[in-house]
Protein backbone atom coordinates (compact mmCIF):
# COMPACT_ATOMS: atom_id res chain seq x y z
CA MET A 1 30.86 -3.03 -8.00
CA SER A 2 27.57 -3.58 -6.32
CA ARG A 3 24.90 -0.96 -6.15
CA LYS A 4 22.76 -0.53 -3.12
CA LYS A 5 19.06 -0.68 -3.71
CA GLU A 6 17.42 2.61 -2.97
CA LYS A 7 14.67 2.53 -0.37
CA ARG A 8 11.32 3.53 -1.76
CA THR A 9 10.35 5.78 1.16
CA PRO A 10 13.58 6.63 2.98
CA ASP A 11 13.51 8.26 6.39
CA VAL A 12 9.90 9.41 6.44
CA ASN A 13 7.32 8.78 9.10
CA LEU A 14 4.99 6.18 7.61
CA LEU A 15 2.14 7.28 9.90
CA GLU A 16 2.04 10.69 8.17
CA LEU A 17 1.76 9.31 4.64
CA VAL A 18 -1.54 9.17 2.74
CA PRO A 19 -1.92 6.06 0.54
CA GLU A 20 -4.07 6.00 -2.58
CA ARG A 21 -5.01 3.01 -4.65
CA THR A 22 -3.55 2.45 -8.10
CA VAL A 23 -5.40 -0.76 -8.97
CA GLY A 24 -9.02 -1.80 -8.92
CA SER A 25 -10.76 -4.14 -6.53
CA GLY A 26 -14.02 -5.92 -5.93
CA THR A 27 -15.88 -7.24 -2.92
CA GLY A 28 -17.26 -10.76 -2.82
CA GLU A 29 -20.48 -11.95 -1.22
CA ASP A 30 -18.58 -12.72 1.97
CA GLY A 31 -17.33 -9.10 2.22
CA ILE A 32 -13.71 -10.01 1.44
CA VAL A 33 -11.89 -7.74 -1.03
CA THR A 34 -10.18 -9.08 -4.13
CA VAL A 35 -7.55 -6.80 -5.66
CA HIS A 36 -7.32 -6.80 -9.47
CA ALA A 37 -3.69 -6.18 -10.46
CA PRO A 38 -2.02 -6.28 -13.86
CA ARG A 39 0.29 -9.25 -14.44
CA PHE A 40 2.93 -7.19 -16.22
CA HIS A 41 4.14 -3.62 -15.89
CA ASN A 42 6.56 -3.85 -18.81
CA ARG A 43 4.95 -2.48 -22.01
CA LEU A 44 6.56 -5.09 -24.24
CA LEU A 45 5.35 -7.99 -22.11
CA LYS A 46 1.91 -6.44 -21.91
CA ARG A 47 1.71 -6.18 -25.67
CA LEU A 48 3.14 -9.62 -26.49
CA ILE A 49 1.98 -11.93 -23.74
CA GLU A 50 -1.12 -10.42 -22.15
CA PRO A 51 -3.43 -10.90 -25.17
CA ARG A 52 -2.69 -14.64 -25.10
CA LEU A 53 -3.65 -15.07 -21.45
CA ARG A 54 -7.09 -16.06 -20.34
CA ARG A 55 -6.95 -13.53 -17.51
CA PRO A 56 -4.69 -10.53 -18.07
CA GLN A 57 -5.06 -9.52 -14.42
CA MET A 58 -4.14 -11.26 -11.20
CA MET A 59 -6.84 -11.63 -8.58
CA ILE A 60 -5.44 -11.32 -5.06
CA ARG A 61 -7.84 -12.18 -2.27
CA LEU A 62 -7.15 -10.36 1.01
CA ASP A 63 -7.88 -11.64 4.51
CA GLY A 64 -10.18 -9.87 7.00
CA ILE A 65 -7.62 -7.39 8.28
CA GLY A 66 -6.26 -6.73 4.78
CA THR A 67 -9.82 -6.08 3.62
CA ALA A 68 -10.38 -3.62 6.47
CA VAL A 69 -7.16 -1.78 5.59
CA TRP A 70 -7.98 -1.71 1.85
CA GLU A 71 -11.44 -0.29 2.55
CA GLN A 72 -9.89 2.55 4.57
CA ILE A 73 -7.53 3.60 1.76
CA ASP A 74 -9.36 6.54 0.22
CA GLY A 75 -6.58 8.98 -0.63
CA GLU A 76 -7.50 11.18 2.36
CA ARG A 77 -6.66 9.18 5.50
CA THR A 78 -3.11 8.84 6.77
CA VAL A 79 -1.66 5.50 7.79
CA GLY A 80 -1.87 6.67 11.42
CA GLU A 81 -5.61 7.33 11.09
CA ILE A 82 -6.11 3.94 9.45
CA GLY A 83 -4.23 2.33 12.36
CA ALA A 84 -6.50 4.06 14.90
CA ILE A 85 -9.60 2.82 13.06
CA LEU A 86 -8.23 -0.73 12.97
CA ARG A 87 -7.36 -0.69 16.67
CA GLU A 88 -10.89 0.44 17.47
CA ARG A 89 -12.40 -2.24 15.23
CA PHE A 90 -10.15 -5.23 16.02
CA GLY A 91 -8.81 -4.43 19.50
CA GLU A 92 -6.01 -6.66 20.75
CA THR A 93 -6.06 -9.04 17.78
CA ILE A 94 -4.32 -6.48 15.55
CA GLU A 95 -1.44 -5.67 17.91
CA PRO A 96 1.33 -4.70 17.15
CA CYS A 97 -0.74 -2.53 14.82
CA HIS A 98 1.92 -0.15 13.47
CA ASP A 99 4.37 -2.95 12.73
CA ARG A 100 1.74 -4.92 10.84
CA LEU A 101 0.67 -1.85 8.90
CA ALA A 102 4.27 -1.04 8.00
CA VAL A 103 4.78 -4.51 6.51
CA PHE A 104 1.42 -4.49 4.73
CA PHE A 105 1.86 -1.03 3.20
CA THR A 106 5.43 -1.85 2.16
CA GLN A 107 4.14 -4.91 0.31
CA LEU A 108 1.35 -2.89 -1.30
CA GLU A 109 3.84 -0.25 -2.45
CA LEU A 110 6.37 -2.76 -3.81
CA SER A 111 3.58 -4.51 -5.71
CA ARG A 112 2.47 -1.11 -7.10
CA PHE A 113 -1.02 -1.43 -5.64
CA ILE A 114 -0.74 1.95 -3.88
CA ARG A 115 1.26 5.15 -4.14
CA TRP A 116 1.91 7.82 -1.54
CA ARG A 117 -0.12 10.93 -2.20
CA ASN A 118 1.86 13.32 0.02
CA LEU A 119 5.34 11.79 -0.03
CA GLU A 120 7.11 14.91 -1.33
CA GLU A 121 5.35 17.11 1.24
CA VAL A 122 6.41 14.84 4.12
CA ARG A 123 9.98 14.67 2.78
CA GLY A 124 10.06 18.48 2.53
CA ARG A 125 8.99 18.85 6.16
CA ARG A 126 11.70 16.44 7.24
CA ASP A 127 14.36 18.34 5.29
CA ARG A 128 13.28 21.69 6.75
CA ALA A 129 13.15 20.45 10.33
CA PRO A 130 15.95 21.79 12.53
CA ARG A 131 18.61 19.24 13.33
CA THR A 132 19.30 18.50 16.98
CA PRO A 133 22.72 17.33 18.07
């Protein structure tokens, strides 16, 4: 029997969620952000393999728009607010803004670079909302 994979953020409005960083980052001379992420999340692999590596962390260099998004993630702003800031800053070049943000934040979450600060609160509001036929 096959099991369905559970969605990480099922049926919630992404624009209401507040992302917060779970990994470190640095900014280069050119202003582009590099995310420092651990290579392994498994404790056994961390203990056995990581000490033998030259660099125990991966360095992921973001592009201009990714850098702008990463800089806006402060644990206070919602994804909707970040989208409004990006639209103001980049104009037409970022459109379709919400679609791009959805893909980017999904990738960040799956890679464990962010977590949702208010996920349970947003889920609770959805569950309490009256159902319309």
